[in-house]
């Protein structure tokens, strides 16, 4: 799995978890969904993604977007 796919899977997982927590626990968890969305937009513009750096350190091979 490349870094690109790992970042997309992690972001999707975090969105689903935050939606579930927002529905069942507290609406404040929806802020996590907003944070993930803003981070995805920021990463697409600047190319800087903290989760991509973590996946790189974990040994995922580079993809097209995050090298």
N, C-alpha and C. Protein backbone atom coordinates (compact mmCIF):
# COMPACT_ATOMS: atom_id res chain seq x y z
N UNK A 1 0.85 -1.18 0.00
CA UNK A 1 0.00 0.00 0.00
C UNK A 1 0.89 1.23 0.00
N UNK A 2 0.62 2.15 -0.90
CA UNK A 2 1.42 3.37 -0.98
C UNK A 2 0.95 4.38 0.07
N UNK A 3 1.76 5.40 0.26
CA UNK A 3 1.42 6.45 1.22
C UNK A 3 0.11 7.13 0.83
N UNK A 4 -0.08 7.35 -0.47
CA UNK A 4 -1.31 8.01 -0.93
C UNK A 4 -2.55 7.24 -0.51
N UNK A 5 -2.53 5.95 -0.75
CA UNK A 5 -3.70 5.13 -0.39
C UNK A 5 -3.87 5.03 1.12
N UNK A 6 -2.75 4.96 1.85
CA UNK A 6 -2.83 4.89 3.30
C UNK A 6 -3.43 6.17 3.88
N UNK A 7 -3.05 7.32 3.32
CA UNK A 7 -3.60 8.59 3.80
C UNK A 7 -5.10 8.66 3.51
N UNK A 8 -5.49 8.25 2.31
CA UNK A 8 -6.93 8.28 1.98
C UNK A 8 -7.72 7.33 2.86
N UNK A 9 -7.17 6.13 3.12
CA UNK A 9 -7.89 5.18 3.98
C UNK A 9 -7.97 5.70 5.41
N UNK A 10 -6.89 6.27 5.91
CA UNK A 10 -6.90 6.81 7.27
C UNK A 10 -7.89 7.97 7.40
N UNK A 11 -7.91 8.86 6.40
CA UNK A 11 -8.84 9.99 6.43
C UNK A 11 -10.29 9.50 6.39
N UNK A 12 -10.57 8.55 5.53
CA UNK A 12 -11.93 8.00 5.47
C UNK A 12 -12.33 7.33 6.77
N UNK A 13 -11.40 6.59 7.37
CA UNK A 13 -11.67 5.94 8.65
C UNK A 13 -11.95 6.97 9.74
N UNK A 14 -11.15 8.04 9.78
CA UNK A 14 -11.36 9.07 10.80
C UNK A 14 -12.68 9.80 10.61
N UNK A 15 -13.09 10.02 9.36
CA UNK A 15 -14.38 10.67 9.10
C UNK A 15 -15.51 9.77 9.60
N UNK A 16 -15.45 8.47 9.29
CA UNK A 16 -16.51 7.56 9.73
C UNK A 16 -16.56 7.43 11.24
N UNK A 17 -15.39 7.36 11.88
CA UNK A 17 -15.35 7.27 13.34
C UNK A 17 -15.92 8.53 13.97
N UNK A 18 -15.53 9.71 13.45
CA UNK A 18 -16.03 10.95 14.04
C UNK A 18 -17.53 11.12 13.81
N UNK A 19 -18.03 10.66 12.67
CA UNK A 19 -19.48 10.73 12.45
C UNK A 19 -20.22 9.81 13.41
N UNK A 20 -19.69 8.63 13.62
CA UNK A 20 -20.31 7.71 14.59
C UNK A 20 -20.28 8.26 16.00
N UNK A 21 -19.14 8.79 16.40
CA UNK A 21 -19.03 9.37 17.74
C UNK A 21 -19.91 10.61 17.88
N UNK A 22 -20.01 11.39 16.82
CA UNK A 22 -20.87 12.57 16.85
C UNK A 22 -22.33 12.21 16.99
N UNK A 23 -22.72 11.12 16.37
CA UNK A 23 -24.12 10.69 16.43
C UNK A 23 -24.45 10.04 17.77
N UNK A 24 -23.54 9.19 18.27
CA UNK A 24 -23.84 8.41 19.47
C UNK A 24 -23.33 9.04 20.77
N UNK A 25 -22.24 9.80 20.72
CA UNK A 25 -21.65 10.31 21.96
C UNK A 25 -21.92 11.80 22.16
N UNK A 26 -21.36 12.62 21.28
CA UNK A 26 -21.49 14.07 21.46
C UNK A 26 -21.32 14.75 20.11
N UNK A 27 -22.11 15.76 19.83
CA UNK A 27 -21.96 16.49 18.56
C UNK A 27 -20.60 17.19 18.42
N UNK A 28 -19.87 17.36 19.49
CA UNK A 28 -18.56 17.99 19.43
C UNK A 28 -17.58 17.16 18.60
N UNK A 29 -17.85 15.87 18.44
CA UNK A 29 -16.98 15.02 17.63
C UNK A 29 -17.02 15.40 16.15
N UNK A 30 -18.03 16.13 15.73
CA UNK A 30 -18.09 16.58 14.34
C UNK A 30 -16.95 17.55 14.01
N UNK A 31 -16.36 18.15 15.03
CA UNK A 31 -15.20 19.00 14.81
C UNK A 31 -14.03 18.21 14.24
N UNK A 32 -13.93 16.94 14.62
CA UNK A 32 -12.89 16.09 14.06
C UNK A 32 -13.11 15.88 12.56
N UNK A 33 -14.35 15.74 12.14
CA UNK A 33 -14.67 15.62 10.71
C UNK A 33 -14.23 16.88 9.97
N UNK A 34 -14.50 18.03 10.56
CA UNK A 34 -14.09 19.30 9.95
C UNK A 34 -12.57 19.38 9.86
N UNK A 35 -11.88 18.97 10.92
CA UNK A 35 -10.43 19.00 10.93
C UNK A 35 -9.84 18.12 9.83
N UNK A 36 -10.38 16.92 9.67
CA UNK A 36 -9.90 16.01 8.64
C UNK A 36 -10.12 16.61 7.25
N UNK A 37 -11.29 17.19 7.03
CA UNK A 37 -11.58 17.80 5.74
C UNK A 37 -10.67 18.97 5.42
N UNK A 38 -10.44 19.83 6.40
CA UNK A 38 -9.56 20.98 6.21
C UNK A 38 -8.13 20.50 5.96
N UNK A 39 -7.71 19.47 6.67
CA UNK A 39 -6.36 18.94 6.48
C UNK A 39 -6.20 18.34 5.08
N UNK A 40 -7.23 17.67 4.57
CA UNK A 40 -7.16 17.13 3.21
C UNK A 40 -7.05 18.25 2.17
N UNK A 41 -7.82 19.31 2.36
CA UNK A 41 -7.74 20.45 1.44
C UNK A 41 -6.36 21.10 1.52
N UNK A 42 -5.86 21.31 2.71
CA UNK A 42 -4.54 21.90 2.90
C UNK A 42 -3.47 21.03 2.27
N UNK A 43 -3.54 19.72 2.43
CA UNK A 43 -2.54 18.82 1.86
C UNK A 43 -2.58 18.82 0.34
N UNK A 44 -3.77 18.98 -0.23
CA UNK A 44 -3.86 19.00 -1.69
C UNK A 44 -3.26 20.27 -2.27
N UNK A 45 -3.28 21.36 -1.50
CA UNK A 45 -2.74 22.63 -1.99
C UNK A 45 -1.24 22.73 -1.74
N UNK A 46 -0.80 22.36 -0.54
CA UNK A 46 0.60 22.56 -0.16
C UNK A 46 1.47 21.33 -0.34
N UNK A 47 0.88 20.13 -0.32
CA UNK A 47 1.66 18.90 -0.39
C UNK A 47 2.18 18.45 0.97
N UNK A 48 1.90 19.22 2.02
CA UNK A 48 2.33 18.86 3.37
C UNK A 48 1.21 18.12 4.09
N UNK A 49 1.51 16.91 4.55
CA UNK A 49 0.51 16.10 5.24
C UNK A 49 1.18 15.37 6.40
N UNK A 50 0.80 15.68 7.64
CA UNK A 50 1.41 15.02 8.79
C UNK A 50 1.22 13.50 8.78
N UNK A 51 0.05 13.03 8.36
CA UNK A 51 -0.15 11.58 8.35
C UNK A 51 0.71 10.91 7.29
N UNK A 52 1.00 11.60 6.18
CA UNK A 52 1.90 11.04 5.17
C UNK A 52 3.30 10.89 5.74
N UNK A 53 3.72 11.83 6.57
CA UNK A 53 5.03 11.73 7.20
C UNK A 53 5.09 10.52 8.14
N UNK A 54 4.00 10.27 8.85
CA UNK A 54 3.95 9.13 9.76
C UNK A 54 3.97 7.82 8.97
N UNK A 55 3.19 7.74 7.90
CA UNK A 55 3.18 6.52 7.10
C UNK A 55 4.54 6.29 6.43
N UNK A 56 5.24 7.35 6.06
CA UNK A 56 6.58 7.22 5.48
C UNK A 56 7.52 6.61 6.50
N UNK A 57 7.44 7.08 7.76
CA UNK A 57 8.30 6.55 8.81
C UNK A 57 7.95 5.10 9.14
N UNK A 58 6.69 4.71 8.90
CA UNK A 58 6.28 3.32 9.13
C UNK A 58 6.71 2.39 8.00
N UNK A 59 7.25 2.98 6.92
CA UNK A 59 7.80 2.15 5.85
C UNK A 59 6.93 1.99 4.63
N UNK A 60 5.87 2.76 4.50
CA UNK A 60 5.05 2.69 3.29
C UNK A 60 5.82 3.27 2.11
N UNK A 61 5.73 2.64 0.95
CA UNK A 61 6.43 3.20 -0.21
C UNK A 61 5.74 4.47 -0.70
N UNK A 62 6.52 5.35 -1.32
CA UNK A 62 6.01 6.62 -1.82
C UNK A 62 5.02 6.38 -2.94
N UNK A 63 4.03 7.24 -3.03
CA UNK A 63 3.06 7.19 -4.10
C UNK A 63 3.28 8.34 -5.05
N UNK A 64 2.26 8.71 -5.77
CA UNK A 64 2.36 9.80 -6.72
C UNK A 64 2.27 11.15 -6.04
N UNK A 65 1.36 11.29 -5.08
CA UNK A 65 1.14 12.60 -4.45
C UNK A 65 2.17 12.91 -3.37
N UNK A 66 2.45 11.97 -2.51
CA UNK A 66 3.35 12.20 -1.38
C UNK A 66 4.63 11.40 -1.59
N UNK A 67 5.71 12.12 -1.91
CA UNK A 67 7.01 11.47 -2.14
C UNK A 67 7.99 11.80 -1.06
